[in-house]
C-alpha cells in the first residue's frame, strides 16, 4: 500500500502500523520526477540518394574524361577505350 506523507510516496507493509501516536516503520520509495531522455542520434533513412545510373545516354557526344555511368557494384562492364575508376565508367 502506498501513501503520500510530507510530499514523499511511502510504502507500508502493514496498514495497522499507520495509527497515530504509535511508532511504525515506513519504507520510503522515490520515483523518477522526470522521464529519462533519449539520446539524440541520426537514425538514418533520411540520407540523400547516391545518384547511381547512367550520366550519358546512347548517342550523346562525350569528351575524354567524362563520366558515363556510376554504379555500386560492377553491373555494366566497360567497352573499348573506357576505363574504370572504382565503380565509375569513364571515357
PDB file of N, CA and C in Angstrom:
ATOM      1  N   UNK A   1       0.847  -1.170   0.000  1.00  0.00           N
ATOM      2  CA  UNK A   1       0.000   0.000   0.000  1.00  0.00           C
ATOM      3  C   UNK A   1       0.893   1.234   0.000  1.00  0.00           C
ATOM      4  N   UNK A   2       0.505   2.264  -0.727  1.00  0.00           N
ATOM      5  CA  UNK A   2       1.290   3.488  -0.835  1.00  0.00           C
ATOM      6  C   UNK A   2       0.511   4.654  -0.245  1.00  0.00           C
ATOM      7  N   UNK A   3       1.223   5.567   0.417  1.00  0.00           N
ATOM      8  CA  UNK A   3       0.636   6.769   0.986  1.00  0.00           C
ATOM      9  C   UNK A   3       1.554   7.944   0.706  1.00  0.00           C
ATOM     10  N   UNK A   4       0.962   9.128   0.600  1.00  0.00           N
ATOM     11  CA  UNK A   4       1.750  10.349   0.494  1.00  0.00           C
ATOM     12  C   UNK A   4       1.877  10.958   1.883  1.00  0.00           C
ATOM     13  N   UNK A   5       3.101  11.087   2.384  1.00  0.00           N
ATOM     14  CA  UNK A   5       3.354  11.727   3.670  1.00  0.00           C
ATOM     15  C   UNK A   5       4.466  12.737   3.455  1.00  0.00           C
ATOM     16  N   UNK A   6       4.191  14.013   3.736  1.00  0.00           N
ATOM     17  CA  UNK A   6       5.155  15.104   3.584  1.00  0.00           C
ATOM     18  C   UNK A   6       5.744  15.158   2.175  1.00  0.00           C
ATOM     19  N   UNK A   7       4.929  14.934   1.192  1.00  0.00           N
ATOM     20  CA  UNK A   7       5.375  15.040  -0.190  1.00  0.00           C
ATOM     21  C   UNK A   7       6.131  13.838  -0.710  1.00  0.00           C
ATOM     22  N   UNK A   8       6.321  12.821   0.111  1.00  0.00           N
ATOM     23  CA  UNK A   8       7.000  11.606  -0.335  1.00  0.00           C
ATOM     24  C   UNK A   8       5.999  10.478  -0.447  1.00  0.00           C
ATOM     25  N   UNK A   9       6.193   9.667  -1.416  1.00  0.00           N
ATOM     26  CA  UNK A   9       5.367   8.479  -1.559  1.00  0.00           C
ATOM     27  C   UNK A   9       5.998   7.385  -0.712  1.00  0.00           C
ATOM     28  N   UNK A  10       5.268   6.930   0.289  1.00  0.00           N
ATOM     29  CA  UNK A  10       5.821   5.930   1.203  1.00  0.00           C
ATOM     30  C   UNK A  10       4.996   4.665   1.120  1.00  0.00           C
ATOM     31  N   UNK A  11       5.647   3.563   1.406  1.00  0.00           N
ATOM     32  CA  UNK A  11       5.000   2.264   1.343  1.00  0.00           C
ATOM     33  C   UNK A  11       5.048   1.656   2.745  1.00  0.00           C
ATOM     34  N   UNK A  12       3.990   1.084   3.136  1.00  0.00           N
ATOM     35  CA  UNK A  12       3.968   0.391   4.421  1.00  0.00           C
ATOM     36  C   UNK A  12       3.586  -1.058   4.181  1.00  0.00           C
ATOM     37  N   UNK A  13       4.147  -1.912   4.983  1.00  0.00           N
ATOM     38  CA  UNK A  13       3.865  -3.336   4.828  1.00  0.00           C
ATOM     39  C   UNK A  13       2.620  -3.749   5.593  1.00  0.00           C
ATOM     40  N   UNK A  14       2.197  -2.932   6.542  1.00  0.00           N
ATOM     41  CA  UNK A  14       1.033  -3.276   7.344  1.00  0.00           C
ATOM     42  C   UNK A  14       0.260  -2.005   7.622  1.00  0.00           C
ATOM     43  N   UNK A  15      -0.995  -1.936   7.197  1.00  0.00           N
ATOM     44  CA  UNK A  15      -1.794  -0.727   7.376  1.00  0.00           C
ATOM     45  C   UNK A  15      -2.036  -0.458   8.852  1.00  0.00           C
ATOM     46  N   UNK A  16      -2.091  -1.497   9.670  1.00  0.00           N
ATOM     47  CA  UNK A  16      -2.348  -1.292  11.096  1.00  0.00           C
ATOM     48  C   UNK A  16      -1.227  -0.524  11.779  1.00  0.00           C
ATOM     49  N   UNK A  17      -0.063  -0.412  11.166  1.00  0.00           N
ATOM     50  CA  UNK A  17       1.032   0.344  11.750  1.00  0.00           C
ATOM     51  C   UNK A  17       0.852   1.843  11.587  1.00  0.00           C
ATOM     52  N   UNK A  18      -0.090   2.273  10.738  1.00  0.00           N
ATOM     53  CA  UNK A  18      -0.291   3.699  10.492  1.00  0.00           C
ATOM     54  C   UNK A  18      -1.313   4.310  11.449  1.00  0.00           C
ATOM     55  N   UNK A  19      -1.266   3.931  12.680  1.00  0.00           N
ATOM     56  CA  UNK A  19      -2.161   4.501  13.689  1.00  0.00           C
ATOM     57  C   UNK A  19      -1.434   5.668  14.344  1.00  0.00           C
ATOM     58  N   UNK A  20      -2.071   6.855  14.479  1.00  0.00           N
ATOM     59  CA  UNK A  20      -1.381   7.999  15.077  1.00  0.00           C
ATOM     60  C   UNK A  20      -0.932   7.712  16.504  1.00  0.00           C
ATOM     61  N   UNK A  21       0.258   8.189  16.838  1.00  0.00           N
ATOM     62  CA  UNK A  21       0.766   8.022  18.183  1.00  0.00           C
ATOM     63  C   UNK A  21       1.602   6.779  18.369  1.00  0.00           C
ATOM     64  N   UNK A  22       1.623   5.891  17.428  1.00  0.00           N
ATOM     65  CA  UNK A  22       2.430   4.684  17.552  1.00  0.00           C
ATOM     66  C   UNK A  22       3.668   4.824  16.680  1.00  0.00           C
ATOM     67  N   UNK A  23       4.718   4.167  17.097  1.00  0.00           N
ATOM     68  CA  UNK A  23       5.899   4.143  16.242  1.00  0.00           C
ATOM     69  C   UNK A  23       5.703   3.076  15.182  1.00  0.00           C
ATOM     70  N   UNK A  24       6.127   3.362  14.016  1.00  0.00           N
ATOM     71  CA  UNK A  24       5.974   2.406  12.926  1.00  0.00           C
ATOM     72  C   UNK A  24       7.147   2.539  11.975  1.00  0.00           C
ATOM     73  N   UNK A  25       7.342   1.527  11.216  1.00  0.00           N
ATOM     74  CA  UNK A  25       8.401   1.519  10.215  1.00  0.00           C
ATOM     75  C   UNK A  25       7.793   1.797   8.857  1.00  0.00           C
ATOM     76  N   UNK A  26       8.385   2.719   8.164  1.00  0.00           N
ATOM     77  CA  UNK A  26       7.947   3.027   6.806  1.00  0.00           C
ATOM     78  C   UNK A  26       9.121   2.831   5.865  1.00  0.00           C
ATOM     79  N   UNK A  27       8.850   2.238   4.752  1.00  0.00           N
ATOM     80  CA  UNK A  27       9.844   2.140   3.692  1.00  0.00           C
ATOM     81  C   UNK A  27       9.557   3.264   2.710  1.00  0.00           C
ATOM     82  N   UNK A  28      10.463   4.207   2.586  1.00  0.00           N
ATOM     83  CA  UNK A  28      10.232   5.313   1.659  1.00  0.00           C
ATOM     84  C   UNK A  28      10.658   4.885   0.265  1.00  0.00           C
ATOM     85  N   UNK A  29       9.850   5.254  -0.699  1.00  0.00           N
ATOM     86  CA  UNK A  29      10.096   4.900  -2.092  1.00  0.00           C
ATOM     87  C   UNK A  29      10.061   6.181  -2.898  1.00  0.00           C
ATOM     88  N   UNK A  30      11.111   6.443  -3.656  1.00  0.00           N
ATOM     89  CA  UNK A  30      11.155   7.625  -4.508  1.00  0.00           C
ATOM     90  C   UNK A  30      11.108   7.177  -5.958  1.00  0.00           C
ATOM     91  N   UNK A  31      10.322   7.874  -6.725  1.00  0.00           N
ATOM     92  CA  UNK A  31      10.212   7.583  -8.145  1.00  0.00           C
ATOM     93  C   UNK A  31      10.848   8.727  -8.930  1.00  0.00           C
ATOM     94  N   UNK A  32      11.138   8.470 -10.171  1.00  0.00           N
ATOM     95  CA  UNK A  32      11.753   9.487 -11.020  1.00  0.00           C
ATOM     96  C   UNK A  32      10.772  10.634 -11.226  1.00  0.00           C
ATOM     97  N   UNK A  33      11.264  11.852 -11.048  1.00  0.00           N
ATOM     98  CA  UNK A  33      10.399  13.006 -11.250  1.00  0.00           C
ATOM     99  C   UNK A  33      10.391  13.449 -12.706  1.00  0.00           C
ATOM    100  N   UNK A  34      11.375  13.001 -13.467  1.00  0.00           N
ATOM    101  CA  UNK A  34      11.447  13.323 -14.894  1.00  0.00           C
ATOM    102  C   UNK A  34      11.596  12.023 -15.677  1.00  0.00           C
ATOM    103  N   UNK A  35      11.037  12.016 -16.846  1.00  0.00           N
ATOM    104  CA  UNK A  35      11.206  10.854 -17.710  1.00  0.00           C
ATOM    105  C   UNK A  35      12.631  10.840 -18.255  1.00  0.00           C
ATOM    106  N   UNK A  36      13.192   9.672 -18.359  1.00  0.00           N
ATOM    107  CA  UNK A  36      14.555   9.553 -18.884  1.00  0.00           C
ATOM    108  C   UNK A  36      14.577  10.002 -20.340  1.00  0.00           C
ATOM    109  N   UNK A  37      15.493  10.880 -20.666  1.00  0.00           N
ATOM    110  CA  UNK A  37      15.584  11.402 -22.029  1.00  0.00           C
ATOM    111  C   UNK A  37      16.328  10.453 -22.944  1.00  0.00           C
ATOM    112  N   UNK A  38      15.972  10.465 -24.179  1.00  0.00           N
ATOM    113  CA  UNK A  38      16.662   9.616 -25.148  1.00  0.00           C
ATOM    114  C   UNK A  38      17.838  10.384 -25.739  1.00  0.00           C
ATOM    115  N   UNK A  39      18.802   9.641 -26.222  1.00  0.00           N
ATOM    116  CA  UNK A  39      19.957  10.277 -26.839  1.00  0.00           C
ATOM    117  C   UNK A  39      19.582  10.784 -28.230  1.00  0.00           C
ATOM    118  N   UNK A  40      20.274  11.799 -28.661  1.00  0.00           N
ATOM    119  CA  UNK A  40      19.986  12.414 -29.957  1.00  0.00           C
ATOM    120  C   UNK A  40      20.905  11.786 -30.998  1.00  0.00           C
ATOM    121  N   UNK A  41      20.367  10.941 -31.820  1.00  0.00           N
ATOM    122  CA  UNK A  41      21.163  10.275 -32.847  1.00  0.00           C
ATOM    123  C   UNK A  41      20.503  10.489 -34.204  1.00  0.00           C
ATOM    124  N   UNK A  42      21.305  10.425 -35.216  1.00  0.00           N
ATOM    125  CA  UNK A  42      20.753  10.401 -36.567  1.00  0.00           C
ATOM    126  C   UNK A  42      20.415   8.954 -36.874  1.00  0.00           C
ATOM    127  N   UNK A  43      19.166   8.668 -36.906  1.00  0.00           N
ATOM    128  CA  UNK A  43      18.718   7.291 -37.022  1.00  0.00           C
ATOM    129  C   UNK A  43      18.926   6.755 -38.431  1.00  0.00           C
ATOM    130  N   UNK A  44      18.991   7.582 -39.412  1.00  0.00           N
ATOM    131  CA  UNK A  44      19.176   7.105 -40.775  1.00  0.00           C
ATOM    132  C   UNK A  44      17.842   6.993 -41.490  1.00  0.00           C
ATOM    133  N   UNK A  45      17.903   6.665 -42.735  1.00  0.00           N
ATOM    134  CA  UNK A  45      16.683   6.594 -43.518  1.00  0.00           C
ATOM    135  C   UNK A  45      16.319   7.933 -44.135  1.00  0.00           C
ATOM    136  N   UNK A  46      16.990   8.975 -43.716  1.00  0.00           N
ATOM    137  CA  UNK A  46      16.706  10.295 -44.273  1.00  0.00           C
ATOM    138  C   UNK A  46      17.908  10.849 -45.027  1.00  0.00           C
ATOM    139  N   UNK A  47      18.838   9.972 -45.394  1.00  0.00           N
ATOM    140  CA  UNK A  47      20.012  10.415 -46.138  1.00  0.00           C
ATOM    141  C   UNK A  47      19.673  10.535 -47.624  1.00  0.00           C
ATOM    142  N   UNK A  48      20.319  11.453 -48.326  1.00  0.00           N
ATOM    143  CA  UNK A  48      20.013  11.613 -49.746  1.00  0.00           C
ATOM    144  C   UNK A  48      20.495  10.422 -50.565  1.00  0.00           C
ATOM    145  N   UNK A  49      19.924  10.267 -51.756  1.00  0.00           N
ATOM    146  CA  UNK A  49      20.296   9.165 -52.628  1.00  0.00           C
ATOM    147  C   UNK A  49      21.692   9.317 -53.191  1.00  0.00           C
ATOM    148  N   UNK A  50      22.234   8.219 -53.700  1.00  0.00           N
ATOM    149  CA  UNK A  50      23.611   8.219 -54.182  1.00  0.00           C
ATOM    150  C   UNK A  50      23.742   8.642 -55.641  1.00  0.00           C
ATOM    151  N   UNK A  51      22.667   8.797 -56.339  1.00  0.00           N
ATOM    152  CA  UNK A  51      22.668   9.222 -57.753  1.00  0.00           C
ATOM    153  C   UNK A  51      23.437   8.266 -58.652  1.00  0.00           C
ATOM    154  N   UNK A  52      23.178   6.979 -58.477  1.00  0.00           N
ATOM    155  CA  UNK A  52      23.771   5.987 -59.366  1.00  0.00           C
ATOM    156  C   UNK A  52      23.011   5.983 -60.687  1.00  0.00           C
ATOM    157  N   UNK A  53      23.664   5.501 -61.721  1.00  0.00           N
ATOM    158  CA  UNK A  53      22.998   5.357 -63.007  1.00  0.00           C
ATOM    159  C   UNK A  53      23.822   5.945 -64.135  1.00  0.00           C
ATOM    160  N   UNK A  54      23.215   5.966 -65.309  1.00  0.00           N
ATOM    161  CA  UNK A  54      23.894   6.494 -66.490  1.00  0.00           C
ATOM    162  C   UNK A  54      23.887   8.013 -66.463  1.00  0.00           C
ATOM    163  N   UNK A  55      25.051   8.587 -66.757  1.00  0.00           N
ATOM    164  CA  UNK A  55      25.172  10.040 -66.839  1.00  0.00           C
ATOM    165  C   UNK A  55      25.135  10.514 -68.287  1.00  0.00           C
ATOM    166  N   UNK A  56      25.528   9.654 -69.200  1.00  0.00           N
ATOM    167  CA  UNK A  56      25.460   9.956 -70.632  1.00  0.00           C
ATOM    168  C   UNK A  56      24.701   8.820 -71.309  1.00  0.00           C
ATOM    169  N   UNK A  57      23.773   9.175 -72.172  1.00  0.00           N
ATOM    170  CA  UNK A  57      22.954   8.171 -72.844  1.00  0.00           C
ATOM    171  C   UNK A  57      23.546   7.826 -74.214  1.00  0.00           C
ATOM    172  N   UNK A  58      22.965   6.852 -74.846  1.00  0.00           N
ATOM    173  CA  UNK A  58      23.409   6.416 -76.166  1.00  0.00           C
ATOM    174  C   UNK A  58      23.168   7.539 -77.178  1.00  0.00           C
ATOM    175  N   UNK A  59      24.195   7.873 -77.925  1.00  0.00           N
ATOM    176  CA  UNK A  59      24.076   8.912 -78.938  1.00  0.00           C
ATOM    177  C   UNK A  59      24.553  10.278 -78.466  1.00  0.00           C
ATOM    178  N   UNK A  60      24.816  10.449 -77.172  1.00  0.00           N
ATOM    179  CA  UNK A  60      25.322  11.735 -76.670  1.00  0.00           C
ATOM    180  C   UNK A  60      26.788  11.897 -77.044  1.00  0.00           C
ATOM    181  N   UNK A  61      27.189  13.132 -77.319  1.00  0.00           N
ATOM    182  CA  UNK A  61      28.588  13.436 -77.607  1.00  0.00           C
ATOM    183  C   UNK A  61      29.321  13.592 -76.284  1.00  0.00           C
ATOM    184  N   UNK A  62      30.466  12.916 -76.164  1.00  0.00           N
ATOM    185  CA  UNK A  62      31.228  12.972 -74.915  1.00  0.00           C
ATOM    186  C   UNK A  62      32.679  13.320 -75.217  1.00  0.00           C
ATOM    187  N   UNK A  63      33.331  13.921 -74.239  1.00  0.00           N
ATOM    188  CA  UNK A  63      34.753  14.233 -74.307  1.00  0.00           C
ATOM    189  C   UNK A  63      35.515  13.228 -73.455  1.00  0.00           C
ATOM    190  N   UNK A  64      36.835  13.217 -73.631  1.00  0.00           N
ATOM    191  CA  UNK A  64      37.671  12.348 -72.815  1.00  0.00           C
ATOM    192  C   UNK A  64      37.598  12.806 -71.358  1.00  0.00           C
ATOM    193  N   UNK A  65      37.404  11.866 -70.458  1.00  0.00           N
ATOM    194  CA  UNK A  65      37.311  12.176 -69.034  1.00  0.00           C
ATOM    195  C   UNK A  65      35.898  12.308 -68.521  1.00  0.00           C
ATOM    196  N   UNK A  66      34.909  12.296 -69.414  1.00  0.00           N
ATOM    197  CA  UNK A  66      33.520  12.368 -68.968  1.00  0.00           C
ATOM    198  C   UNK A  66      33.114  11.077 -68.262  1.00  0.00           C
ATOM    199  N   UNK A  67      32.289  11.219 -67.261  1.00  0.00           N
ATOM    200  CA  UNK A  67      31.751  10.050 -66.564  1.00  0.00           C
ATOM    201  C   UNK A  67      30.549   9.549 -67.351  1.00  0.00           C
ATOM    202  N   UNK A  68      30.585   8.270 -67.697  1.00  0.00           N
ATOM    203  CA  UNK A  68      29.481   7.686 -68.464  1.00  0.00           C
ATOM    204  C   UNK A  68      28.401   7.119 -67.553  1.00  0.00           C
ATOM    205  N   UNK A  69      28.805   6.460 -66.462  1.00  0.00           N
ATOM    206  CA  UNK A  69      27.835   5.852 -65.551  1.00  0.00           C
ATOM    207  C   UNK A  69      28.474   5.701 -64.178  1.00  0.00           C
ATOM    208  N   UNK A  70      27.647   5.730 -63.149  1.00  0.00           N
ATOM    209  CA  UNK A  70      28.094   5.407 -61.792  1.00  0.00           C
ATOM    210  C   UNK A  70      27.270   4.222 -61.316  1.00  0.00           C
ATOM    211  N   UNK A  71      27.920   3.330 -60.597  1.00  0.00           N
ATOM    212  CA  UNK A  71      27.250   2.111 -60.149  1.00  0.00           C
ATOM    213  C   UNK A  71      27.849   1.661 -58.825  1.00  0.00           C
ATOM    214  N   UNK A  72      27.054   0.946 -58.049  1.00  0.00           N
ATOM    215  CA  UNK A  72      27.515   0.490 -56.741  1.00  0.00           C
ATOM    216  C   UNK A  72      28.367  -0.758 -56.864  1.00  0.00           C
ATOM    217  N   UNK A  73      27.960  -1.679 -57.683  1.00  0.00           N
ATOM    218  CA  UNK A  73      28.734  -2.893 -57.958  1.00  0.00           C
ATOM    219  C   UNK A  73      29.003  -2.942 -59.454  1.00  0.00           C
ATOM    220  N   UNK A  74      29.880  -3.838 -59.866  1.00  0.00           N
ATOM    221  CA  UNK A  74      30.245  -3.929 -61.282  1.00  0.00           C
ATOM    222  C   UNK A  74      29.093  -4.541 -62.072  1.00  0.00           C
ATOM    223  N   UNK A  75      28.173  -3.704 -62.516  1.00  0.00           N
ATOM    224  CA  UNK A  75      26.998  -4.172 -63.245  1.00  0.00           C
ATOM    225  C   UNK A  75      27.185  -4.015 -64.755  1.00  0.00           C
ATOM    226  N   UNK A  76      27.717  -2.877 -65.158  1.00  0.00           N
ATOM    227  CA  UNK A  76      27.972  -2.609 -66.573  1.00  0.00           C
ATOM    228  C   UNK A  76      29.474  -2.632 -66.788  1.00  0.00           C
ATOM    229  N   UNK A  77      29.941  -3.450 -67.699  1.00  0.00           N
ATOM    230  CA  UNK A  77      31.371  -3.599 -67.949  1.00  0.00           C
ATOM    231  C   UNK A  77      31.791  -2.656 -69.073  1.00  0.00           C
ATOM    232  N   UNK A  78      32.999  -2.113 -68.987  1.00  0.00           N
ATOM    233  CA  UNK A  78      33.436  -1.126 -69.975  1.00  0.00           C
ATOM    234  C   UNK A  78      33.733  -1.764 -71.328  1.00  0.00           C
ATOM    235  N   UNK A  79      33.597  -0.956 -72.349  1.00  0.00           N
ATOM    236  CA  UNK A  79      33.939  -1.393 -73.694  1.00  0.00           C
ATOM    237  C   UNK A  79      35.303  -0.852 -74.080  1.00  0.00           C
ATOM    238  N   UNK A  80      35.499  -0.659 -75.382  1.00  0.00           N
ATOM    239  CA  UNK A  80      36.783  -0.169 -75.883  1.00  0.00           C
ATOM    240  C   UNK A  80      36.977   1.291 -75.493  1.00  0.00           C
ATOM    241  N   UNK A  81      38.204   1.630 -75.081  1.00  0.00           N
ATOM    242  CA  UNK A  81      38.611   2.993 -74.743  1.00  0.00           C
ATOM    243  C   UNK A  81      37.841   3.563 -73.543  1.00  0.00           C
ATOM    244  N   UNK A  82      37.338   2.706 -72.682  1.00  0.00           N
ATOM    245  CA  UNK A  82      36.619   3.147 -71.479  1.00  0.00           C
ATOM    246  C   UNK A  82      37.341   2.577 -70.274  1.00  0.00           C
ATOM    247  N   UNK A  83      37.613   3.421 -69.285  1.00  0.00           N
ATOM    248  CA  UNK A  83      38.320   2.970 -68.084  1.00  0.00           C
ATOM    249  C   UNK A  83      37.358   2.914 -66.899  1.00  0.00           C
ATOM    250  N   UNK A  84      37.816   2.239 -65.859  1.00  0.00           N
ATOM    251  CA  UNK A  84      37.015   2.112 -64.645  1.00  0.00           C
ATOM    252  C   UNK A  84      37.762   2.810 -63.514  1.00  0.00           C
ATOM    253  N   UNK A  85      37.105   3.704 -62.857  1.00  0.00           N
ATOM    254  CA  UNK A  85      37.643   4.324 -61.652  1.00  0.00           C
ATOM    255  C   UNK A  85      36.683   3.958 -60.530  1.00  0.00           C
ATOM    256  N   UNK A  86      37.121   3.047 -59.664  1.00  0.00           N
ATOM    257  CA  UNK A  86      36.256   2.414 -58.662  1.00  0.00           C
ATOM    258  C   UNK A  86      35.089   1.769 -59.395  1.00  0.00           C
ATOM    259  N   UNK A  87      33.891   2.280 -59.212  1.00  0.00           N
ATOM    260  CA  UNK A  87      32.754   1.700 -59.930  1.00  0.00           C
ATOM    261  C   UNK A  87      32.168   2.715 -60.901  1.00  0.00           C
ATOM    262  N   UNK A  88      32.986   3.676 -61.334  1.00  0.00           N
ATOM    263  CA  UNK A  88      32.546   4.684 -62.290  1.00  0.00           C
ATOM    264  C   UNK A  88      33.166   4.384 -63.648  1.00  0.00           C
ATOM    265  N   UNK A  89      32.361   4.354 -64.665  1.00  0.00           N
ATOM    266  CA  UNK A  89      32.863   4.142 -66.021  1.00  0.00           C
ATOM    267  C   UNK A  89      33.198   5.499 -66.623  1.00  0.00           C
ATOM    268  N   UNK A  90      34.455   5.652 -67.060  1.00  0.00           N
ATOM    269  CA  UNK A  90      34.897   6.922 -67.632  1.00  0.00           C
ATOM    270  C   UNK A  90      35.410   6.701 -69.038  1.00  0.00           C
ATOM    271  N   UNK A  91      35.224   7.693 -69.863  1.00  0.00           N
ATOM    272  CA  UNK A  91      35.719   7.622 -71.237  1.00  0.00           C
ATOM    273  C   UNK A  91      37.184   7.958 -71.252  1.00  0.00           C
TER     274      UNK A  91
END
